Protein backbone atom coordinates (compact mmCIF):
# COMPACT_ATOMS: atom_id res chain seq x y z
CA MET A 1 -13.66 14.69 33.70
CA SER A 2 -9.88 14.29 34.12
CA ASP A 3 -7.52 13.82 31.22
CA GLY A 4 -8.00 10.09 31.49
CA VAL A 5 -9.15 7.19 33.61
CA GLU A 6 -6.80 4.69 35.12
CA PRO A 7 -6.79 1.07 33.92
CA GLY A 8 -9.63 -1.09 35.14
CA GLY A 9 -12.75 -2.96 34.07
CA GLU A 10 -15.38 -1.66 31.72
CA VAL A 11 -19.03 -1.30 32.63
CA GLY A 12 -22.12 -2.39 30.74
CA ARG A 13 -24.09 0.74 31.52
CA VAL A 14 -26.92 1.71 29.20
CA LEU A 15 -25.99 4.65 26.97
CA ASP A 16 -27.69 7.88 27.98
CA ALA A 17 -27.64 10.65 25.39
CA SER A 18 -27.93 13.27 28.12
CA ASP A 19 -24.64 12.13 29.69
CA THR A 20 -22.15 13.30 27.08
CA LEU A 21 -18.67 14.75 27.40
CA THR A 22 -18.40 17.41 24.68
CA LEU A 23 -15.00 18.85 23.73
CA GLU A 24 -13.50 21.00 20.99
CA ALA A 25 -10.02 20.66 19.54
CA ASP A 26 -7.99 21.67 16.56
CA VAL A 27 -6.79 18.09 16.06
CA LEU A 28 -8.32 14.86 17.33
CA VAL A 29 -6.05 11.81 17.30
CA LEU A 30 -7.73 8.40 17.45
CA GLY A 31 -5.31 5.84 18.87
CA GLY A 32 -2.62 6.04 21.54
CA GLY A 33 0.12 3.76 20.27
CA PRO A 34 3.38 4.95 18.71
CA ALA A 35 1.75 6.53 15.63
CA GLY A 36 -0.95 8.25 17.67
CA THR A 37 1.39 9.67 20.28
CA TRP A 38 3.88 10.92 17.68
CA ALA A 39 0.95 12.50 15.81
CA ALA A 40 -0.29 14.24 18.96
CA LEU A 41 3.18 15.59 19.72
CA ALA A 42 3.66 16.86 16.16
CA ALA A 43 0.24 18.58 16.08
CA ALA A 44 0.84 20.18 19.49
CA ALA A 45 4.25 21.42 18.34
CA LYS A 46 2.43 23.28 15.55
CA GLY A 47 0.36 25.10 18.17
CA ALA A 48 -2.76 22.95 17.81
CA ARG A 49 -5.09 22.10 20.67
CA VAL A 50 -5.04 18.32 20.67
CA VAL A 51 -7.28 15.61 22.11
CA LEU A 52 -6.15 11.97 21.94
CA ALA A 53 -8.75 9.23 22.40
CA ASP A 54 -7.47 5.71 22.97
CA LYS A 55 -9.49 2.51 22.88
CA GLY A 56 -7.34 1.22 25.73
CA TYR A 57 -4.99 3.00 28.12
CA CYS A 58 -2.57 5.18 26.19
CA GLY A 59 0.89 3.84 26.93
CA SER A 60 -0.01 0.23 27.69
CA SER A 61 -2.39 -0.98 24.99
CA GLY A 62 -1.71 -2.13 21.45
CA ALA A 63 0.87 -4.31 19.75
CA THR A 64 3.96 -2.24 20.65
CA ALA A 65 3.39 -1.72 24.38
CA PRO A 66 4.11 -5.32 25.51
CA SER A 67 6.86 -6.00 22.98
CA GLY A 68 10.44 -5.39 22.12
CA VAL A 69 10.57 -4.06 18.55
CA GLY A 70 13.34 -3.51 16.10
CA VAL A 71 13.39 -0.16 14.30
CA TRP A 72 14.44 0.63 10.73
CA TYR A 73 17.14 2.93 12.10
CA VAL A 74 19.94 3.37 9.57
CA PRO A 75 22.78 5.92 9.75
CA PRO A 76 22.78 8.51 6.95
CA VAL A 77 25.61 6.77 5.11
CA PRO A 78 24.83 6.28 1.38
CA GLU A 79 26.03 2.66 1.24
CA LEU A 80 24.05 1.70 4.35
CA ARG A 81 20.93 3.49 3.17
CA GLU A 82 21.14 1.82 -0.23
CA ALA A 83 21.44 -1.61 1.38
CA ALA A 84 18.49 -0.84 3.65
CA LYS A 85 16.28 0.18 0.75
CA SER A 86 17.19 -2.72 -1.52
CA SER A 87 17.04 -5.43 1.15
CA ARG A 88 13.29 -6.08 0.91
CA GLU A 89 12.29 -4.69 -2.46
CA GLY A 90 12.21 -8.16 -3.99
CA LEU A 91 10.26 -9.67 -1.13
CA GLY A 92 7.73 -6.84 -1.40
CA GLY A 93 7.20 -7.41 -5.11
CA HIS A 94 8.80 -4.09 -6.09
CA LEU A 95 5.76 -2.05 -5.07
CA SER A 96 7.58 0.27 -2.67
CA ASP A 97 8.66 3.83 -3.38
CA ARG A 98 12.25 4.93 -2.80
CA GLY A 99 11.29 8.55 -2.25
CA TRP A 100 9.08 7.52 0.66
CA MET A 101 11.81 5.19 1.93
CA ASP A 102 14.26 8.11 2.05
CA ARG A 103 11.77 10.28 3.92
CA VAL A 104 11.07 7.58 6.49
CA LEU A 105 14.74 6.76 7.03
CA ASP A 106 15.56 10.44 7.59
CA LYS A 107 12.65 11.06 9.94
CA THR A 108 13.22 7.86 11.91
CA TRP A 109 16.92 8.58 12.35
CA ALA A 110 16.21 12.03 13.79
CA SER A 111 13.26 10.91 15.92
CA VAL A 112 14.94 7.92 17.54
CA ASN A 113 17.86 10.15 18.40
CA GLU A 114 15.36 12.56 19.94
CA LEU A 115 14.03 9.74 22.10
CA GLY A 116 17.53 9.54 23.55
CA THR A 117 17.49 13.21 24.50
CA TRP A 118 14.11 12.65 26.18
CA GLY A 119 15.64 10.03 28.41
CA TYR A 120 14.88 6.71 26.73
CA PRO A 121 17.34 4.21 28.31
CA PHE A 122 19.13 2.93 25.21
CA PRO A 123 21.74 0.24 25.96
CA VAL A 124 25.36 0.94 25.09
CA ASP A 125 27.87 -1.16 23.17
CA ASP A 126 31.36 -2.15 24.28
CA GLY A 127 32.63 1.24 23.15
CA GLY A 128 30.09 3.12 25.24
CA GLN A 129 27.98 4.18 22.26
CA PRO A 130 24.16 3.96 22.47
CA VAL A 131 22.55 1.12 20.47
CA ARG A 132 19.37 2.48 18.95
CA ARG A 133 18.16 -0.26 16.62
CA SER A 134 15.37 -1.47 18.89
CA LEU A 135 12.95 -0.25 21.54
CA GLN A 136 11.41 -1.94 24.55
CA GLY A 137 7.68 -1.35 24.29
CA PRO A 138 6.90 -0.71 27.97
CA GLU A 139 9.67 1.88 28.34
CA TYR A 140 8.97 3.44 24.95
CA MET A 141 5.25 3.89 25.42
CA ARG A 142 5.60 5.03 29.05
CA LEU A 143 7.89 7.79 27.80
CA MET A 144 5.55 8.69 24.92
CA ARG A 145 2.59 9.06 27.25
CA LYS A 146 4.66 11.31 29.50
CA ARG A 147 5.73 13.49 26.56
CA VAL A 148 2.16 13.74 25.26
CA LYS A 149 0.88 14.93 28.63
CA LEU A 150 3.75 17.42 28.95
CA ALA A 151 2.74 18.82 25.53
CA GLY A 152 -0.70 19.69 26.94
CA VAL A 153 -2.64 17.02 25.04
CA ARG A 154 -5.96 15.96 26.57
CA ILE A 155 -6.01 12.15 26.83
CA LEU A 156 -9.24 10.16 26.89
CA ASP A 157 -8.37 6.63 27.99
CA HIS A 158 -10.60 3.60 27.48
CA SER A 159 -12.58 5.74 25.06
CA PRO A 160 -13.02 4.00 21.70
CA ALA A 161 -14.35 6.07 18.82
CA LEU A 162 -17.48 4.65 17.21
CA GLU A 163 -17.86 7.03 14.26
CA LEU A 164 -16.43 10.09 12.57
CA LEU A 165 -18.30 13.37 12.34
CA VAL A 166 -18.63 15.31 9.08
CA ASP A 167 -19.75 18.86 8.28
CA ALA A 168 -22.23 19.97 5.64
CA ASP A 169 -19.53 19.87 2.97
CA GLY A 170 -18.50 16.32 3.84
CA ALA A 171 -15.22 17.27 5.54
CA VAL A 172 -14.26 15.28 8.61
CA ALA A 173 -14.98 17.40 11.69
CA GLY A 174 -14.38 15.19 14.72
CA ALA A 175 -15.56 11.90 16.14
CA ALA A 176 -17.93 10.42 18.70
CA GLY A 177 -17.47 7.45 20.97
CA VAL A 178 -17.93 6.07 24.45
CA CYS A 179 -15.93 5.88 27.66
CA ARG A 180 -16.08 2.20 28.54
CA GLN A 181 -15.41 2.67 32.25
CA LEU A 182 -17.91 5.44 32.89
CA GLY A 183 -20.59 4.43 30.41
CA GLN A 184 -20.45 7.98 29.09
CA ARG A 185 -20.69 9.22 25.53
CA TRP A 186 -18.08 11.60 24.22
CA VAL A 187 -18.10 13.96 21.26
CA VAL A 188 -15.05 15.88 20.05
CA LYS A 189 -15.51 18.50 17.36
CA ALA A 190 -12.19 19.13 15.66
CA GLY A 191 -10.67 20.90 12.69
CA ALA A 192 -9.06 17.63 11.53
CA VAL A 193 -8.73 14.01 12.63
CA VAL A 194 -5.80 11.58 12.58
CA ILE A 195 -6.68 7.88 12.51
CA ALA A 196 -3.93 5.93 14.26
CA THR A 197 -6.03 3.05 15.54
CA GLY A 198 -3.72 0.29 14.36
CA GLY A 199 -4.41 -2.63 12.07
CA CYS A 200 -6.77 -5.58 12.30
CA ALA A 201 -5.72 -8.92 13.81
CA PHE A 202 -9.27 -10.30 13.94
CA LEU A 203 -9.13 -11.05 17.70
CA SER A 204 -6.67 -13.88 17.04
CA LYS A 205 -5.23 -13.59 20.57
CA ALA A 206 -1.91 -12.35 19.23
CA LEU A 207 -0.05 -10.43 21.94
CA GLY A 208 -1.33 -6.86 22.38
CA CYS A 209 -3.77 -7.12 19.48
CA ASN A 210 -7.17 -7.40 21.15
CA VAL A 211 -7.81 -3.69 20.61
CA LEU A 212 -6.80 -3.93 16.95
CA THR A 213 -10.00 -4.80 15.11
CA GLY A 214 -9.88 -2.53 12.05
CA ASP A 215 -12.09 0.20 13.54
CA GLY A 216 -10.16 3.00 11.84
CA GLY A 217 -10.53 1.48 8.39
CA LEU A 218 -14.28 1.18 8.81
CA MET A 219 -14.64 4.77 10.00
CA ALA A 220 -12.46 6.02 7.14
CA ALA A 221 -14.44 4.12 4.52
CA GLU A 222 -17.69 5.52 5.92
CA VAL A 223 -16.50 9.03 5.00
CA GLY A 224 -15.29 7.97 1.56
CA ALA A 225 -11.62 7.22 2.14
CA ASP A 226 -9.94 4.45 0.12
CA LEU A 227 -7.61 1.64 1.16
CA SER A 228 -4.55 0.16 -0.48
CA GLY A 229 -2.59 -3.08 -0.31
CA MET A 230 -5.40 -5.01 1.34
CA GLU A 231 -4.41 -8.23 -0.44
CA PHE A 232 -1.17 -8.06 1.59
CA SER A 233 -3.01 -8.44 4.90
CA ASN A 234 -2.64 -12.15 5.57
CA ALA A 235 0.39 -12.08 7.84
CA TYR A 236 0.74 -15.04 10.19
CA ALA A 237 3.26 -15.15 13.05
CA ILE A 238 4.84 -18.17 14.74
CA ALA A 239 3.76 -18.59 18.36
CA PRO A 240 3.79 -21.34 20.96
CA ALA A 241 0.51 -23.23 20.61
CA PHE A 242 -0.22 -22.52 24.28
CA ALA A 243 0.56 -18.77 24.27
CA SER A 244 -0.22 -15.43 22.61
CA VAL A 245 3.40 -14.26 22.19
CA THR A 246 4.01 -13.72 18.47
CA LYS A 247 7.60 -12.52 18.61
CA THR A 248 9.32 -14.43 15.85
CA LEU A 249 12.96 -13.31 15.81
CA PHE A 250 14.22 -16.11 18.04
CA TYR A 251 12.79 -18.78 15.75
CA SER A 252 15.68 -17.93 13.42
CA TRP A 253 17.69 -20.18 15.75
CA ALA A 254 15.07 -22.94 15.91
CA THR A 255 14.69 -26.36 14.35
CA PHE A 256 11.16 -27.48 13.48
CA TYR A 257 9.93 -31.04 13.78
CA TYR A 258 7.11 -33.32 12.73
CA GLU A 259 5.14 -35.06 15.46
CA ASP A 260 7.30 -38.20 15.07
CA GLY A 261 10.50 -36.20 15.70
CA ARG A 262 11.72 -35.88 12.11
CA VAL A 263 13.11 -32.50 11.09
CA ILE A 264 10.88 -30.41 8.78
CA GLU A 265 13.31 -29.43 6.04
CA GLY A 266 13.14 -25.78 4.99
CA ALA A 267 10.94 -24.66 7.88
CA GLY A 268 13.60 -22.23 9.02
CA SER A 269 14.10 -20.67 5.58
CA HIS A 270 12.47 -17.63 3.94
CA ARG A 271 9.58 -19.91 2.97
CA GLY A 272 9.43 -21.33 6.47
CA ARG A 273 6.00 -20.10 7.45
CA SER A 274 4.42 -21.53 4.32
CA ILE A 275 6.05 -24.88 5.02
CA ILE A 276 4.91 -24.78 8.65
CA ALA A 277 1.38 -23.87 7.56
CA GLU A 278 1.27 -26.70 5.02
CA THR A 279 2.33 -29.12 7.73
CA LEU A 280 -0.16 -27.77 10.28
CA LEU A 281 -2.99 -28.57 7.87
CA THR A 282 -2.42 -32.27 8.58
CA GLN A 283 -0.43 -32.61 11.83
CA PRO A 284 1.14 -30.72 14.75
CA VAL A 285 4.46 -28.90 14.40
CA PHE A 286 7.07 -28.67 17.14
CA ALA A 287 10.08 -26.39 17.57
CA ARG A 288 13.22 -26.19 19.67
CA ILE A 289 15.49 -23.13 19.77
CA ASP A 290 18.55 -25.37 19.66
CA LYS A 291 20.89 -23.29 17.47
CA ALA A 292 21.54 -20.64 20.13
CA ASP A 293 24.68 -21.00 22.24
CA GLU A 294 24.74 -20.08 25.93
CA ALA A 295 25.82 -16.48 25.33
CA LEU A 296 23.05 -15.98 22.79
CA GLN A 297 20.51 -17.57 25.12
CA ALA A 298 21.45 -15.10 27.86
CA TRP A 299 21.10 -12.19 25.43
CA MET A 300 17.69 -13.44 24.31
CA ARG A 301 16.35 -13.46 27.86
CA THR A 302 17.58 -9.93 28.38
CA ALA A 303 16.35 -8.61 25.02
CA GLN A 304 12.81 -10.04 25.13
CA PRO A 305 12.05 -11.35 28.63
CA ASN A 306 8.32 -11.77 28.07
CA PHE A 307 9.00 -14.15 25.18
CA PHE A 308 9.99 -16.68 27.84
CA LEU A 309 7.14 -16.14 30.32
CA PRO A 310 4.81 -18.76 28.78
CA PHE A 311 7.63 -21.30 28.70
CA ASP A 312 8.63 -20.63 32.31
CA ARG A 313 5.03 -20.96 33.45
CA ALA A 314 4.66 -24.24 31.59
CA GLY A 315 7.98 -25.59 32.89
CA ILE A 316 9.46 -25.84 29.36
CA ASP A 317 13.06 -25.07 28.46
CA PRO A 318 12.67 -23.93 24.81
CA PHE A 319 16.40 -24.36 24.18
CA ARG A 320 16.38 -28.06 25.13
CA GLN A 321 12.80 -29.26 24.87
CA ARG A 322 10.48 -29.45 21.89
CA PHE A 323 7.25 -27.46 22.18
CA PRO A 324 4.18 -27.20 19.91
CA VAL A 325 3.87 -24.12 17.70
CA THR A 326 1.09 -22.58 15.69
CA LEU A 327 0.64 -19.64 13.32
CA ARG A 328 -1.54 -16.79 14.57
CA LEU A 329 -3.09 -14.39 12.09
CA GLU A 330 -1.94 -10.81 12.58
CA GLY A 331 -3.70 -9.52 9.48
CA THR A 332 -2.92 -5.89 8.76
CA VAL A 333 -0.80 -5.52 11.91
CA ARG A 334 2.12 -7.29 10.28
CA GLY A 335 0.71 -6.96 6.79
CA THR A 336 1.03 -3.84 4.68
CA GLY A 337 -2.58 -2.98 3.82
CA GLY A 338 -4.42 0.01 5.23
CA ILE A 339 -5.95 3.39 4.51
CA HIS A 340 -4.69 4.87 1.25
CA ILE A 341 -2.33 7.86 1.59
CA THR A 342 -2.72 10.58 -1.03
CA GLY A 343 0.10 12.98 -0.20
CA SER A 344 3.25 13.68 1.77
CA SER A 345 1.27 14.79 4.86
CA CYS A 346 -0.43 11.37 5.09
CA ALA A 347 -3.78 12.85 4.07
CA THR A 348 -6.49 10.47 2.93
CA SER A 349 -8.97 10.97 0.12
CA ALA A 350 -11.47 12.34 2.67
CA PRO A 351 -10.87 16.04 3.45
CA GLY A 352 -9.81 16.66 7.04
CA LEU A 353 -8.81 13.03 7.63
CA TYR A 354 -5.23 11.78 8.05
CA ALA A 355 -3.92 8.28 8.71
CA ALA A 356 -0.76 6.96 10.34
CA GLY A 357 0.90 3.79 11.57
CA ASP A 358 -0.63 0.38 10.96
CA ALA A 359 -4.01 1.97 10.17
CA ALA A 360 -2.41 3.34 6.99
CA THR A 361 -0.95 1.41 4.10
CA ARG A 362 2.76 0.60 4.39
CA GLU A 363 3.15 -0.33 0.73
CA LEU A 364 5.01 2.93 0.20
CA ILE A 365 8.06 1.60 2.07
CA CYS A 366 7.39 -2.17 2.18
CA GLY A 367 5.49 -3.08 -0.97
CA GLY A 368 3.70 -6.37 -0.42
CA PHE A 369 5.69 -7.75 2.51
CA THR A 370 6.73 -6.69 5.98
CA GLY A 371 6.83 -8.13 9.49
CA GLY A 372 6.92 -7.14 13.13
CA GLY A 373 8.71 -3.93 14.09
CA SER A 374 11.46 -2.67 11.80
CA HIS A 375 9.74 -0.89 8.86
CA ASN A 376 6.39 -0.81 10.68
CA ALA A 377 7.96 0.82 13.73
CA ALA A 378 9.74 3.39 11.57
CA TRP A 379 6.54 4.08 9.66
CA ALA A 380 4.62 4.66 12.91
CA ILE A 381 7.20 7.21 14.05
CA SER A 382 7.40 9.10 10.77
CA SER A 383 3.84 8.86 9.43
CA GLY A 384 2.54 9.83 12.87
CA GLN A 385 4.46 13.09 12.76
CA TRP A 386 3.55 13.90 9.16
CA ALA A 387 -0.13 13.17 9.84
CA GLY A 388 -0.12 15.28 13.00
CA GLU A 389 1.53 18.21 11.25
CA GLY A 390 -0.78 17.89 8.25
CA ALA A 391 -3.87 17.77 10.47
CA ALA A 392 -2.70 20.84 12.40
CA LEU A 393 -2.24 22.82 9.18
CA PHE A 394 -5.63 21.72 7.87
CA ALA A 395 -7.26 22.73 11.16
CA ARG A 396 -5.57 26.11 10.91
CA SER A 397 -7.13 26.62 7.49
CA VAL A 398 -10.54 25.80 8.96
CA GLY A 399 -9.94 28.37 11.69
CA ALA A 400 -12.34 29.42 14.42
CA ARG A 401 -15.38 28.31 12.44
CA GLY A 402 -14.38 24.70 13.10
CA GLY A 403 -16.14 24.70 16.46
CA GLN A 404 -19.28 26.27 15.02
CA ARG A 405 -19.78 23.81 12.17
CA GLN A 406 -22.94 21.76 12.13
CA VAL A 407 -21.83 18.15 12.19
CA SER A 408 -23.44 14.74 11.85
CA GLY A 409 -22.32 11.20 12.51
CA ALA A 410 -20.99 9.30 9.50
CA GLY A 411 -21.25 5.82 11.03
CA ARG A 412 -23.85 3.44 9.67
CA ALA A 413 -23.19 -0.20 10.51
CA ALA A 414 -24.50 -1.22 13.98
CA LEU A 415 -25.29 2.37 14.92
CA PRO A 416 -28.61 4.26 15.20
CA ALA A 417 -28.25 5.58 11.63
CA SER A 418 -28.45 1.99 10.32
CA GLY A 419 -32.20 2.08 10.89
CA GLY A 420 -32.33 -1.61 11.73
CA ALA A 421 -34.42 -3.11 14.50
CA ARG A 422 -32.97 -6.61 14.86
CA GLN A 423 -30.35 -7.17 17.56
CA LEU A 424 -26.90 -8.02 16.23
CA ASP A 425 -25.19 -11.20 17.41
CA ALA A 426 -21.75 -9.59 17.40
CA GLU A 427 -19.97 -12.62 18.86
CA GLY A 428 -21.54 -14.84 16.22
CA VAL A 429 -20.43 -12.45 13.48
CA ILE A 430 -16.88 -12.40 14.86
CA ARG A 431 -16.69 -16.20 14.93
CA ALA A 432 -17.99 -16.39 11.37
CA VAL A 433 -15.38 -13.89 10.12
CA GLN A 434 -12.64 -15.80 11.91
CA GLY A 435 -13.86 -18.93 10.17
CA GLU A 436 -12.96 -17.32 6.85
CA VAL A 437 -9.71 -15.52 7.69
CA PHE A 438 -7.99 -17.86 10.17
CA PRO A 439 -7.65 -21.08 8.11
CA TYR A 440 -4.39 -21.33 6.20
CA ASP A 441 -6.09 -23.02 3.24
CA LYS A 442 -8.44 -20.04 2.85
CA ASN A 443 -6.27 -17.00 3.59
CA LEU A 444 -2.62 -17.97 3.31
CA PHE A 445 -2.97 -20.34 0.34
CA ARG A 446 -5.62 -18.61 -1.74
CA THR A 447 -7.63 -19.96 -4.65
CA GLU A 448 -10.26 -18.37 -6.88
CA ARG A 449 -12.88 -20.82 -5.69
CA GLY A 450 -11.97 -20.34 -2.04
CA LEU A 451 -12.01 -16.55 -2.28
CA ALA A 452 -15.38 -16.56 -4.04
CA THR A 453 -16.88 -18.87 -1.43
CA SER A 454 -15.52 -16.79 1.45
CA LEU A 455 -16.80 -13.57 -0.13
CA ASP A 456 -20.28 -15.01 -0.47
CA ARG A 457 -20.30 -15.68 3.28
CA LEU A 458 -18.72 -12.35 4.17
CA ASP A 459 -21.16 -10.42 1.98
CA SER A 460 -24.02 -12.15 3.77
CA LEU A 461 -22.49 -11.24 7.13
CA TRP A 462 -22.20 -7.61 6.04
CA ARG A 463 -25.89 -7.53 5.15
CA ASP A 464 -26.67 -8.87 8.62
CA VAL A 465 -24.53 -6.17 10.21
CA ARG A 466 -26.07 -3.40 8.11
CA GLN A 467 -29.62 -4.51 8.92
CA ALA A 468 -29.02 -4.70 12.67
CA GLY A 469 -30.17 -2.04 15.09
CA PRO A 470 -28.01 -0.05 17.52
CA ALA A 471 -26.61 -1.61 20.67
CA ALA A 472 -28.18 -0.83 24.03
CA ASP A 473 -25.09 -0.37 26.19
CA VAL A 474 -21.42 0.52 26.01
CA ARG A 475 -20.02 -3.00 25.82
CA GLU A 476 -22.45 -4.06 23.11
CA ALA A 477 -21.87 -0.87 21.10
CA VAL A 478 -18.10 -1.36 21.03
CA ARG A 479 -18.39 -5.06 20.20
CA ALA A 480 -20.92 -4.44 17.45
CA ARG A 481 -18.64 -1.93 15.74
CA GLU A 482 -15.65 -4.25 16.13
CA SER A 483 -17.59 -7.05 14.42
CA ALA A 484 -18.60 -4.68 11.60
CA ALA A 485 -15.00 -3.54 11.15
CA MET A 486 -13.75 -7.11 10.94
CA VAL A 487 -16.31 -8.03 8.30
CA ALA A 488 -15.43 -4.94 6.28
CA THR A 489 -11.69 -5.60 6.54
CA ALA A 490 -12.04 -9.22 5.44
CA ARG A 491 -14.16 -8.19 2.42
CA TRP A 492 -11.55 -5.63 1.32
CA MET A 493 -8.79 -8.23 1.78
CA PHE A 494 -10.45 -10.96 -0.24
CA ASN A 495 -11.77 -8.69 -3.00
CA ALA A 496 -8.28 -7.28 -3.49
CA ALA A 497 -6.79 -10.78 -3.37
CA ARG A 498 -9.26 -11.94 -6.01
CA ALA A 499 -8.26 -9.02 -8.26
CA ARG A 500 -4.54 -9.83 -8.00
CA THR A 501 -4.31 -12.95 -10.19
CA GLU A 502 -0.66 -13.66 -9.43
CA THR A 503 1.61 -14.43 -6.49
CA ARG A 504 3.43 -11.34 -5.16
CA GLY A 505 4.75 -10.44 -1.71
CA MET A 506 2.78 -12.21 1.00
CA HIS A 507 -0.17 -12.75 -1.34
CA LYS A 508 -0.03 -16.36 -2.48
CA HIS A 509 -2.57 -17.32 -5.15
CA THR A 510 -2.41 -21.07 -5.67
CA ASP A 511 -4.20 -20.82 -9.03
CA HIS A 512 -1.65 -18.23 -10.19
CA PRO A 513 1.65 -19.25 -8.54
CA SER A 514 3.89 -17.04 -10.70
CA LEU A 515 4.60 -13.33 -10.64
CA ASP A 516 3.03 -11.33 -13.48
CA ALA A 517 5.09 -8.30 -14.52
CA ALA A 518 1.96 -6.64 -15.89
CA GLN A 519 0.51 -6.52 -12.37
CA GLN A 520 3.37 -4.55 -10.84
CA ARG A 521 1.02 -1.87 -9.50
CA ARG A 522 -0.86 -1.22 -6.31
CA LEU A 523 -4.53 -2.02 -5.91
CA ILE A 524 -6.85 0.60 -4.40
CA THR A 525 -9.94 -0.73 -2.64
CA GLY A 526 -13.03 0.90 -1.18
CA GLY A 527 -16.75 0.72 -0.62
CA LEU A 528 -18.89 -0.91 2.03
CA ASP A 529 -22.19 -2.20 0.70
CA ARG A 530 -20.48 -2.70 -2.62
CA VAL A 531 -16.72 -3.22 -2.55
CA TRP A 532 -14.67 -2.12 -5.55
CA VAL A 533 -11.04 -2.58 -6.60
CA ARG A 534 -9.03 -0.58 -9.14
CA ALA A 535 -5.41 -0.53 -10.19
CA GLU A 536 -3.22 2.44 -9.38
CA ALA A 537 -0.83 3.71 -12.03
CA PRO A 538 2.15 1.35 -12.45
CA ALA A 539 4.93 1.93 -9.94
CA ALA A 540 8.35 2.88 -11.28
CA ALA A 541 10.67 0.02 -10.36
CA PRO A 542 13.78 -1.76 -11.58
CA ALA A 543 13.67 -5.06 -13.37
CA PHE A 544 13.30 -8.08 -11.13
CA ALA A 545 13.19 -11.83 -11.21
CA ALA A 546 10.22 -14.01 -10.31
CA ALA A 547 12.36 -15.88 -7.79
CA GLU A 548 12.59 -12.76 -5.66
CA VAL A 549 8.95 -12.70 -4.61
CA ASN A 550 8.85 -15.79 -2.41
CA ALA A 551 8.11 -14.17 0.95
CA PRO A 552 8.22 -16.13 4.21
């Protein structure tokens, strides 16, 4: 088999255990977005043999590839760094860590500059200096794929992982999955694994997010890893009602309207998305980007050309005509929840397992609030490298015996190890999960009664998933695991939200609308059949005012 397969359709071939691609590596990276590619490069630079398996085509799948993203790229000037760190601490509920912020700012500064030496086409300002505060996804990820291949990394495209492998001591020792195009199984035995599979957007049709279904979180939990910040996973993004584009920057220059043409006061403020959501519960909302002058309009089309594609196709001028908008759930993609990090190398609580990018918690630098790009993009760059380096060092400690270890699959839900015989209706499960996480009055505006009702339904769905038998072919196997991951993610989200009886960051608890200083600590979550939540030790933070926690 070559180092990848070119983009194309997947097949529904029946899985045949005799047709298996078996590989050995020092480090296996799951995910081929920014975090995964940076992790692969960092591991290879440490001398590790690296395999990267991507659910899609490395370089063109995921949330970054089709987008233009800002980057938390701040010059090493004390005053600028201080402003960068303090700018969102209030919005995030003072749950971030300044030591981690400093590390990320340093690593991102150096790495983005390195992109320039690799040939990334940064624009220049009027003085001829490169402007490095944002990246165009297609160019960025095309370059990253090229660098990964030059580093000698073996790429498995269209090859989603279905489960992690563990050795007799419980250490993570690789992963197993399928190649969707060839209908072939694959098994990679490795000294360590990096999960960089992205967040979970619950198949909400947000741009680039159809491969982001929480698979990494499920696999991590199955080997005993914890999660953190899962109550901060209800991020919604403004989008045209007729399109999947969830780029929200340009709505800073928009006016929002009721159906009868009246202006919706406050919809463009920090609380704008809550106001828009409240309005959408009873009537349509319209927008017009009417605060941008002609020069700004020209810049917008150059900066994010695919933002305008849906409008051009529909014959709408968004600067002069009103158009309907909606809010699409992006879950943990723009939220901050993810796999809990236990050390500076982005190790998890499961030995041999590392996490990076949106698959990992971003509370360390964002607390309870973030958005598209910016901090998330910087976290992907930096955490990817730390995870790759950490995994390479762990694999080195395992040594040559890594390839000789007896391993077994850790996956349970919707896999042969589940022991079930009943066929899983994966599409039905997905629709049922979406019915709990999409509605604004269930997930954005949370109540104790609503959370309890949703958890009853989600717990029932989880029992259905756990009692189901394995899928017969590639397509069904991938879909079944996606449905299981979405149920698991929703249960962690709502259990953590139920435990946080206050309003902080993007978590809005209608029954507890105020911030509670006693709850200024992170919540760690875990478990599958039985979900648990516990409080981490209180975070050291300066005094703050309740008014600071009203996130958009």
